Amino acid sequence: MNRGATWTYGWYREGEYLDGNTCLWWIRLPDCPYMVGENGFTFLYYRRPGGYDPGTYEVRIWIEDRFQGAYRFVIVPAP
């Protein structure tokens, strides 16, 4: 991506929005992941206050106004 390109991420549980942000690629902004490496990459993680409740979670990614994809994972109740 070009430096300054807009990208957005959103965290969801059972389809309900939890958190996210719109950031600029390779531009350091508060509350945005920072880029590392020569070619630029980043890591997304979500620290849910109080931990994760059981359910289906998803992180969704957009570049500019184009949806890029989602990653879904499930938290099961402790036995």
PDB file of N, CA and C in Angstrom:
ATOM      1  N   MET A   1       0.843  -1.180   0.000  1.00  0.00           N
ATOM      2  CA  MET A   1       0.000   0.000   0.000  1.00  0.00           C
ATOM      3  C   MET A   1       0.884   1.238   0.000  1.00  0.00           C
ATOM      4  N   ASN A   2       0.359   2.295  -0.507  1.00  0.00           N
ATOM      5  CA  ASN A   2       1.086   3.551  -0.508  1.00  0.00           C
ATOM      6  C   ASN A   2       1.039   4.201   0.868  1.00  0.00           C
ATOM      7  N   ARG A   3       2.108   4.874   1.210  1.00  0.00           N
ATOM      8  CA  ARG A   3       2.160   5.611   2.468  1.00  0.00           C
ATOM      9  C   ARG A   3       0.983   6.601   2.499  1.00  0.00           C
ATOM     10  N   GLY A   4       0.264   6.596   3.621  1.00  0.00           N
ATOM     11  CA  GLY A   4      -0.872   7.488   3.783  1.00  0.00           C
ATOM     12  C   GLY A   4      -2.211   6.918   3.333  1.00  0.00           C
ATOM     13  N   ALA A   5      -2.211   5.698   2.758  1.00  0.00           N
ATOM     14  CA  ALA A   5      -3.477   5.077   2.350  1.00  0.00           C
ATOM     15  C   ALA A   5      -4.346   4.820   3.584  1.00  0.00           C
ATOM     16  N   THR A   6      -5.638   5.048   3.430  1.00  0.00           N
ATOM     17  CA  THR A   6      -6.576   4.824   4.532  1.00  0.00           C
ATOM     18  C   THR A   6      -6.897   3.333   4.635  1.00  0.00           C
ATOM     19  N   TRP A   7      -6.818   2.809   5.853  1.00  0.00           N
ATOM     20  CA  TRP A   7      -7.240   1.435   6.089  1.00  0.00           C
ATOM     21  C   TRP A   7      -8.003   1.393   7.409  1.00  0.00           C
ATOM     22  N   THR A   8      -8.961   0.496   7.476  1.00  0.00           N
ATOM     23  CA  THR A   8      -9.849   0.417   8.628  1.00  0.00           C
ATOM     24  C   THR A   8      -9.930  -1.022   9.094  1.00  0.00           C
ATOM     25  N   TYR A   9      -9.965  -1.198  10.400  1.00  0.00           N
ATOM     26  CA  TYR A   9     -10.200  -2.522  10.962  1.00  0.00           C
ATOM     27  C   TYR A   9     -11.325  -2.419  11.980  1.00  0.00           C
ATOM     28  N   GLY A  10     -12.088  -3.489  12.111  1.00  0.00           N
ATOM     29  CA  GLY A  10     -13.172  -3.541  13.084  1.00  0.00           C
ATOM     30  C   GLY A  10     -13.230  -4.906  13.740  1.00  0.00           C
ATOM     31  N   TRP A  11     -13.449  -4.920  15.046  1.00  0.00           N
ATOM     32  CA  TRP A  11     -13.609  -6.153  15.814  1.00  0.00           C
ATOM     33  C   TRP A  11     -15.094  -6.326  16.125  1.00  0.00           C
ATOM     34  N   TYR A  12     -15.597  -7.561  15.939  1.00  0.00           N
ATOM     35  CA  TYR A  12     -17.010  -7.857  16.124  1.00  0.00           C
ATOM     36  C   TYR A  12     -17.160  -9.134  16.949  1.00  0.00           C
ATOM     37  N   ARG A  13     -18.254  -9.191  17.713  1.00  0.00           N
ATOM     38  CA  ARG A  13     -18.642 -10.424  18.404  1.00  0.00           C
ATOM     39  C   ARG A  13     -20.097 -10.689  18.059  1.00  0.00           C
ATOM     40  N   GLU A  14     -20.360 -11.878  17.525  1.00  0.00           N
ATOM     41  CA  GLU A  14     -21.710 -12.259  17.104  1.00  0.00           C
ATOM     42  C   GLU A  14     -22.302 -11.192  16.186  1.00  0.00           C
ATOM     43  N   GLY A  15     -21.460 -10.588  15.346  1.00  0.00           N
ATOM     44  CA  GLY A  15     -21.905  -9.576  14.390  1.00  0.00           C
ATOM     45  C   GLY A  15     -22.039  -8.180  14.957  1.00  0.00           C
ATOM     46  N   GLU A  16     -21.856  -8.014  16.268  1.00  0.00           N
ATOM     47  CA  GLU A  16     -21.977  -6.703  16.906  1.00  0.00           C
ATOM     48  C   GLU A  16     -20.605  -6.036  17.014  1.00  0.00           C
ATOM     49  N   TYR A  17     -20.524  -4.796  16.567  1.00  0.00           N
ATOM     50  CA  TYR A  17     -19.267  -4.047  16.582  1.00  0.00           C
ATOM     51  C   TYR A  17     -18.776  -3.844  18.012  1.00  0.00           C
ATOM     52  N   LEU A  18     -17.480  -4.122  18.244  1.00  0.00           N
ATOM     53  CA  LEU A  18     -16.867  -3.936  19.556  1.00  0.00           C
ATOM     54  C   LEU A  18     -15.881  -2.770  19.578  1.00  0.00           C
ATOM     55  N   ASP A  19     -15.037  -2.716  18.558  1.00  0.00           N
ATOM     56  CA  ASP A  19     -13.957  -1.734  18.561  1.00  0.00           C
ATOM     57  C   ASP A  19     -13.323  -1.706  17.186  1.00  0.00           C
ATOM     58  N   GLY A  20     -12.565  -0.667  16.910  1.00  0.00           N
ATOM     59  CA  GLY A  20     -11.852  -0.568  15.647  1.00  0.00           C
ATOM     60  C   GLY A  20     -11.355   0.848  15.445  1.00  0.00           C
ATOM     61  N   ASN A  21     -10.774   1.096  14.283  1.00  0.00           N
ATOM     62  CA  ASN A  21     -10.223   2.408  14.006  1.00  0.00           C
ATOM     63  C   ASN A  21      -9.938   2.528  12.509  1.00  0.00           C
ATOM     64  N   THR A  22      -9.875   3.751  12.043  1.00  0.00           N
ATOM     65  CA  THR A  22      -9.408   4.050  10.691  1.00  0.00           C
ATOM     66  C   THR A  22      -8.046   4.710  10.836  1.00  0.00           C
ATOM     67  N   CYS A  23      -7.072   4.200  10.092  1.00  0.00           N
ATOM     68  CA  CYS A  23      -5.690   4.632  10.223  1.00  0.00           C
ATOM     69  C   CYS A  23      -5.110   4.983   8.850  1.00  0.00           C
ATOM     70  N   LEU A  24      -3.935   5.548   8.862  1.00  0.00           N
ATOM     71  CA  LEU A  24      -3.210   5.853   7.632  1.00  0.00           C
ATOM     72  C   LEU A  24      -1.950   4.999   7.605  1.00  0.00           C
ATOM     73  N   TRP A  25      -1.752   4.292   6.496  1.00  0.00           N
ATOM     74  CA  TRP A  25      -0.623   3.379   6.364  1.00  0.00           C
ATOM     75  C   TRP A  25       0.698   4.138   6.463  1.00  0.00           C
ATOM     76  N   TRP A  26       1.547   3.687   7.336  1.00  0.00           N
ATOM     77  CA  TRP A  26       2.880   4.240   7.580  1.00  0.00           C
ATOM     78  C   TRP A  26       2.849   5.646   8.179  1.00  0.00           C
ATOM     79  N   ILE A  27       1.707   6.083   8.684  1.00  0.00           N
ATOM     80  CA  ILE A  27       1.615   7.363   9.379  1.00  0.00           C
ATOM     81  C   ILE A  27       1.301   7.051  10.843  1.00  0.00           C
ATOM     82  N   ARG A  28       2.145   7.517  11.744  1.00  0.00           N
ATOM     83  CA  ARG A  28       1.968   7.237  13.174  1.00  0.00           C
ATOM     84  C   ARG A  28       0.832   8.097  13.729  1.00  0.00           C
ATOM     85  N   LEU A  29      -0.244   7.428  14.188  1.00  0.00           N
ATOM     86  CA  LEU A  29      -1.393   8.097  14.769  1.00  0.00           C
ATOM     87  C   LEU A  29      -1.731   7.447  16.105  1.00  0.00           C
ATOM     88  N   PRO A  30      -2.257   8.223  17.052  1.00  0.00           N
ATOM     89  CA  PRO A  30      -2.667   7.617  18.333  1.00  0.00           C
ATOM     90  C   PRO A  30      -3.715   6.531  18.090  1.00  0.00           C
ATOM     91  N   ASP A  31      -3.631   5.468  18.859  1.00  0.00           N
ATOM     92  CA  ASP A  31      -4.596   4.359  18.806  1.00  0.00           C
ATOM     93  C   ASP A  31      -4.593   3.583  17.491  1.00  0.00           C
ATOM     94  N   CYS A  32      -3.539   3.728  16.687  1.00  0.00           N
ATOM     95  CA  CYS A  32      -3.404   2.950  15.454  1.00  0.00           C
ATOM     96  C   CYS A  32      -2.189   2.044  15.571  1.00  0.00           C
ATOM     97  N   PRO A  33      -2.270   0.824  15.018  1.00  0.00           N
ATOM     98  CA  PRO A  33      -1.094  -0.037  14.999  1.00  0.00           C
ATOM     99  C   PRO A  33       0.033   0.645  14.225  1.00  0.00           C
ATOM    100  N   TYR A  34       1.260   0.366  14.594  1.00  0.00           N
ATOM    101  CA  TYR A  34       2.387   0.962  13.865  1.00  0.00           C
ATOM    102  C   TYR A  34       2.962  -0.050  12.890  1.00  0.00           C
ATOM    103  N   MET A  35       3.607   0.458  11.871  1.00  0.00           N
ATOM    104  CA  MET A  35       4.177  -0.364  10.809  1.00  0.00           C
ATOM    105  C   MET A  35       5.614  -0.723  11.162  1.00  0.00           C
ATOM    106  N   VAL A  36       6.017  -1.899  10.750  1.00  0.00           N
ATOM    107  CA  VAL A  36       7.386  -2.355  10.969  1.00  0.00           C
ATOM    108  C   VAL A  36       7.922  -2.967   9.679  1.00  0.00           C
ATOM    109  N   GLY A  37       9.220  -3.110   9.593  1.00  0.00           N
ATOM    110  CA  GLY A  37       9.849  -3.755   8.445  1.00  0.00           C
ATOM    111  C   GLY A  37      10.009  -2.829   7.258  1.00  0.00           C
ATOM    112  N   GLU A  38      10.878  -3.225   6.350  1.00  0.00           N
ATOM    113  CA  GLU A  38      11.150  -2.431   5.151  1.00  0.00           C
ATOM    114  C   GLU A  38       9.912  -2.245   4.278  1.00  0.00           C
ATOM    115  N   ASN A  39       9.142  -3.311   4.096  1.00  0.00           N
ATOM    116  CA  ASN A  39       7.970  -3.250   3.226  1.00  0.00           C
ATOM    117  C   ASN A  39       6.701  -2.850   3.960  1.00  0.00           C
ATOM    118  N   GLY A  40       6.775  -2.767   5.256  1.00  0.00           N
ATOM    119  CA  GLY A  40       5.628  -2.352   6.050  1.00  0.00           C
ATOM    120  C   GLY A  40       4.633  -3.464   6.297  1.00  0.00           C
ATOM    121  N   PHE A  41       4.517  -3.869   7.522  1.00  0.00           N
ATOM    122  CA  PHE A  41       3.459  -4.770   7.936  1.00  0.00           C
ATOM    123  C   PHE A  41       3.108  -4.404   9.366  1.00  0.00           C
ATOM    124  N   THR A  42       1.987  -4.908   9.825  1.00  0.00           N
ATOM    125  CA  THR A  42       1.547  -4.608  11.175  1.00  0.00           C
ATOM    126  C   THR A  42       0.837  -5.820  11.747  1.00  0.00           C
ATOM    127  N   PHE A  43       0.541  -5.756  13.023  1.00  0.00           N
ATOM    128  CA  PHE A  43      -0.186  -6.803  13.729  1.00  0.00           C
ATOM    129  C   PHE A  43      -1.405  -6.176  14.374  1.00  0.00           C
ATOM    130  N   LEU A  44      -2.522  -6.872  14.318  1.00  0.00           N
ATOM    131  CA  LEU A  44      -3.728  -6.425  14.996  1.00  0.00           C
ATOM    132  C   LEU A  44      -4.017  -7.370  16.139  1.00  0.00           C
ATOM    133  N   TYR A  45      -4.355  -6.805  17.265  1.00  0.00           N
ATOM    134  CA  TYR A  45      -4.796  -7.618  18.383  1.00  0.00           C
ATOM    135  C   TYR A  45      -5.800  -6.803  19.168  1.00  0.00           C
ATOM    136  N   TYR A  46      -6.641  -7.495  19.905  1.00  0.00           N
ATOM    137  CA  TYR A  46      -7.698  -6.834  20.656  1.00  0.00           C
ATOM    138  C   TYR A  46      -7.655  -7.371  22.072  1.00  0.00           C
ATOM    139  N   ARG A  47      -7.442  -6.478  22.989  1.00  0.00           N
ATOM    140  CA  ARG A  47      -7.438  -6.842  24.412  1.00  0.00           C
ATOM    141  C   ARG A  47      -8.776  -6.425  24.997  1.00  0.00           C
ATOM    142  N   ARG A  48      -9.663  -7.363  25.026  1.00  0.00           N
ATOM    143  CA  ARG A  48     -11.017  -7.088  25.515  1.00  0.00           C
ATOM    144  C   ARG A  48     -10.981  -6.894  27.029  1.00  0.00           C
ATOM    145  N   PRO A  49     -11.457  -5.733  27.522  1.00  0.00           N
ATOM    146  CA  PRO A  49     -11.495  -5.515  28.971  1.00  0.00           C
ATOM    147  C   PRO A  49     -12.299  -6.618  29.658  1.00  0.00           C
ATOM    148  N   GLY A  50     -11.716  -7.261  30.634  1.00  0.00           N
ATOM    149  CA  GLY A  50     -12.394  -8.342  31.333  1.00  0.00           C
ATOM    150  C   GLY A  50     -12.277  -9.687  30.645  1.00  0.00           C
ATOM    151  N   GLY A  51     -11.572  -9.749  29.523  1.00  0.00           N
ATOM    152  CA  GLY A  51     -11.388 -11.011  28.808  1.00  0.00           C
ATOM    153  C   GLY A  51     -12.475 -11.239  27.767  1.00  0.00           C
ATOM    154  N   TYR A  52     -12.357 -12.331  27.087  1.00  0.00           N
ATOM    155  CA  TYR A  52     -13.291 -12.680  26.013  1.00  0.00           C
ATOM    156  C   TYR A  52     -14.440 -13.509  26.559  1.00  0.00           C
ATOM    157  N   ASP A  53     -15.674 -13.095  26.248  1.00  0.00           N
ATOM    158  CA  ASP A  53     -16.840 -13.921  26.521  1.00  0.00           C
ATOM    159  C   ASP A  53     -16.925 -14.972  25.430  1.00  0.00           C
ATOM    160  N   PRO A  54     -17.520 -16.143  25.723  1.00  0.00           N
ATOM    161  CA  PRO A  54     -17.695 -17.133  24.664  1.00  0.00           C
ATOM    162  C   PRO A  54     -18.498 -16.545  23.503  1.00  0.00           C
ATOM    163  N   GLY A  55     -18.173 -16.979  22.311  1.00  0.00           N
ATOM    164  CA  GLY A  55     -18.903 -16.518  21.137  1.00  0.00           C
ATOM    165  C   GLY A  55     -18.028 -16.517  19.904  1.00  0.00           C
ATOM    166  N   THR A  56     -18.609 -16.089  18.797  1.00  0.00           N
ATOM    167  CA  THR A  56     -17.898 -16.000  17.527  1.00  0.00           C
ATOM    168  C   THR A  56     -17.428 -14.562  17.335  1.00  0.00           C
ATOM    169  N   TYR A  57     -16.133 -14.411  17.157  1.00  0.00           N
ATOM    170  CA  TYR A  57     -15.507 -13.105  16.958  1.00  0.00           C
ATOM    171  C   TYR A  57     -14.986 -13.012  15.539  1.00  0.00           C
ATOM    172  N   GLU A  58     -14.819 -11.770  15.088  1.00  0.00           N
ATOM    173  CA  GLU A  58     -14.339 -11.550  13.734  1.00  0.00           C
ATOM    174  C   GLU A  58     -13.612 -10.208  13.693  1.00  0.00           C
ATOM    175  N   VAL A  59     -12.526 -10.162  12.931  1.00  0.00           N
ATOM    176  CA  VAL A  59     -11.890  -8.888  12.622  1.00  0.00           C
ATOM    177  C   VAL A  59     -12.052  -8.685  11.118  1.00  0.00           C
ATOM    178  N   ARG A  60     -12.500  -7.486  10.737  1.00  0.00           N
ATOM    179  CA  ARG A  60     -12.743  -7.155   9.330  1.00  0.00           C
ATOM    180  C   ARG A  60     -11.798  -6.027   8.925  1.00  0.00           C
ATOM    181  N   ILE A  61     -11.304  -6.107   7.689  1.00  0.00           N
ATOM    182  CA  ILE A  61     -10.321  -5.144   7.193  1.00  0.00           C
ATOM    183  C   ILE A  61     -10.821  -4.495   5.901  1.00  0.00           C
ATOM    184  N   TRP A  62     -10.651  -3.177   5.801  1.00  0.00           N
ATOM    185  CA  TRP A  62     -10.943  -2.413   4.589  1.00  0.00           C
ATOM    186  C   TRP A  62      -9.698  -1.616   4.213  1.00  0.00           C
ATOM    187  N   ILE A  63      -9.444  -1.476   2.939  1.00  0.00           N
ATOM    188  CA  ILE A  63      -8.435  -0.553   2.424  1.00  0.00           C
ATOM    189  C   ILE A  63      -9.202   0.450   1.582  1.00  0.00           C
ATOM    190  N   GLU A  64      -9.043   1.723   1.965  1.00  0.00           N
ATOM    191  CA  GLU A  64      -9.878   2.792   1.404  1.00  0.00           C
ATOM    192  C   GLU A  64     -11.326   2.381   1.632  1.00  0.00           C
ATOM    193  N   ASP A  65     -12.147   2.257   0.627  1.00  0.00           N
ATOM    194  CA  ASP A  65     -13.545   1.863   0.820  1.00  0.00           C
ATOM    195  C   ASP A  65     -13.814   0.431   0.361  1.00  0.00           C
ATOM    196  N   ARG A  66     -12.751  -0.356   0.171  1.00  0.00           N
ATOM    197  CA  ARG A  66     -12.895  -1.724  -0.343  1.00  0.00           C
ATOM    198  C   ARG A  66     -12.683  -2.753   0.765  1.00  0.00           C
ATOM    199  N   PHE A  67     -13.696  -3.572   0.989  1.00  0.00           N
ATOM    200  CA  PHE A  67     -13.589  -4.651   1.972  1.00  0.00           C
ATOM    201  C   PHE A  67     -12.559  -5.661   1.492  1.00  0.00           C
ATOM    202  N   GLN A  68     -11.605  -6.006   2.355  1.00  0.00           N
ATOM    203  CA  GLN A  68     -10.526  -6.923   1.989  1.00  0.00           C
ATOM    204  C   GLN A  68     -10.748  -8.342   2.490  1.00  0.00           C
ATOM    205  N   GLY A  69     -11.448  -8.476   3.596  1.00  0.00           N
ATOM    206  CA  GLY A  69     -11.691  -9.806   4.125  1.00  0.00           C
ATOM    207  C   GLY A  69     -11.873  -9.778   5.627  1.00  0.00           C
ATOM    208  N   ALA A  70     -12.107 -10.962   6.178  1.00  0.00           N
ATOM    209  CA  ALA A  70     -12.354 -11.104   7.606  1.00  0.00           C
ATOM    210  C   ALA A  70     -11.715 -12.390   8.099  1.00  0.00           C
ATOM    211  N   TYR A  71     -11.366 -12.381   9.371  1.00  0.00           N
ATOM    212  CA  TYR A  71     -10.878 -13.590  10.027  1.00  0.00           C
ATOM    213  C   TYR A  71     -11.797 -13.851  11.209  1.00  0.00           C
ATOM    214  N   ARG A  72     -12.345 -15.054  11.274  1.00  0.00           N
ATOM    215  CA  ARG A  72     -13.297 -15.425  12.306  1.00  0.00           C
ATOM    216  C   ARG A  72     -12.667 -16.466  13.227  1.00  0.00           C
ATOM    217  N   PHE A  73     -12.984 -16.336  14.526  1.00  0.00           N
ATOM    218  CA  PHE A  73     -12.544 -17.331  15.483  1.00  0.00           C
ATOM    219  C   PHE A  73     -13.617 -17.458  16.571  1.00  0.00           C
ATOM    220  N   VAL A  74     -13.609 -18.611  17.256  1.00  0.00           N
ATOM    221  CA  VAL A  74     -14.635 -18.919  18.248  1.00  0.00           C
ATOM    222  C   VAL A  74     -13.986 -19.128  19.610  1.00  0.00           C
ATOM    223  N   ILE A  75     -14.573 -18.518  20.617  1.00  0.00           N
ATOM    224  CA  ILE A  75     -14.178 -18.743  22.015  1.00  0.00           C
ATOM    225  C   ILE A  75     -15.257 -19.622  22.632  1.00  0.00           C
ATOM    226  N   VAL A  76     -14.849 -20.756  23.149  1.00  0.00           N
ATOM    227  CA  VAL A  76     -15.815 -21.688  23.752  1.00  0.00           C
ATOM    228  C   VAL A  76     -15.776 -21.523  25.267  1.00  0.00           C
ATOM    229  N   PRO A  77     -16.895 -21.837  25.943  1.00  0.00           N
ATOM    230  CA  PRO A  77     -16.916 -21.740  27.407  1.00  0.00           C
ATOM    231  C   PRO A  77     -15.919 -22.715  28.040  1.00  0.00           C
ATOM    232  N   ALA A  78     -15.350 -22.308  29.149  1.00  0.00           N
ATOM    233  CA  ALA A  78     -14.419 -23.190  29.875  1.00  0.00           C
ATOM    234  C   ALA A  78     -15.217 -24.379  30.409  1.00  0.00           C
ATOM    235  N   PRO A  79     -14.577 -25.549  30.420  1.00  0.00           N
ATOM    236  CA  PRO A  79     -15.292 -26.749  30.924  1.00  0.00           C
ATOM    237  C   PRO A  79     -15.550 -26.674  32.411  1.00  0.00           C
TER     238      PRO A  79
END
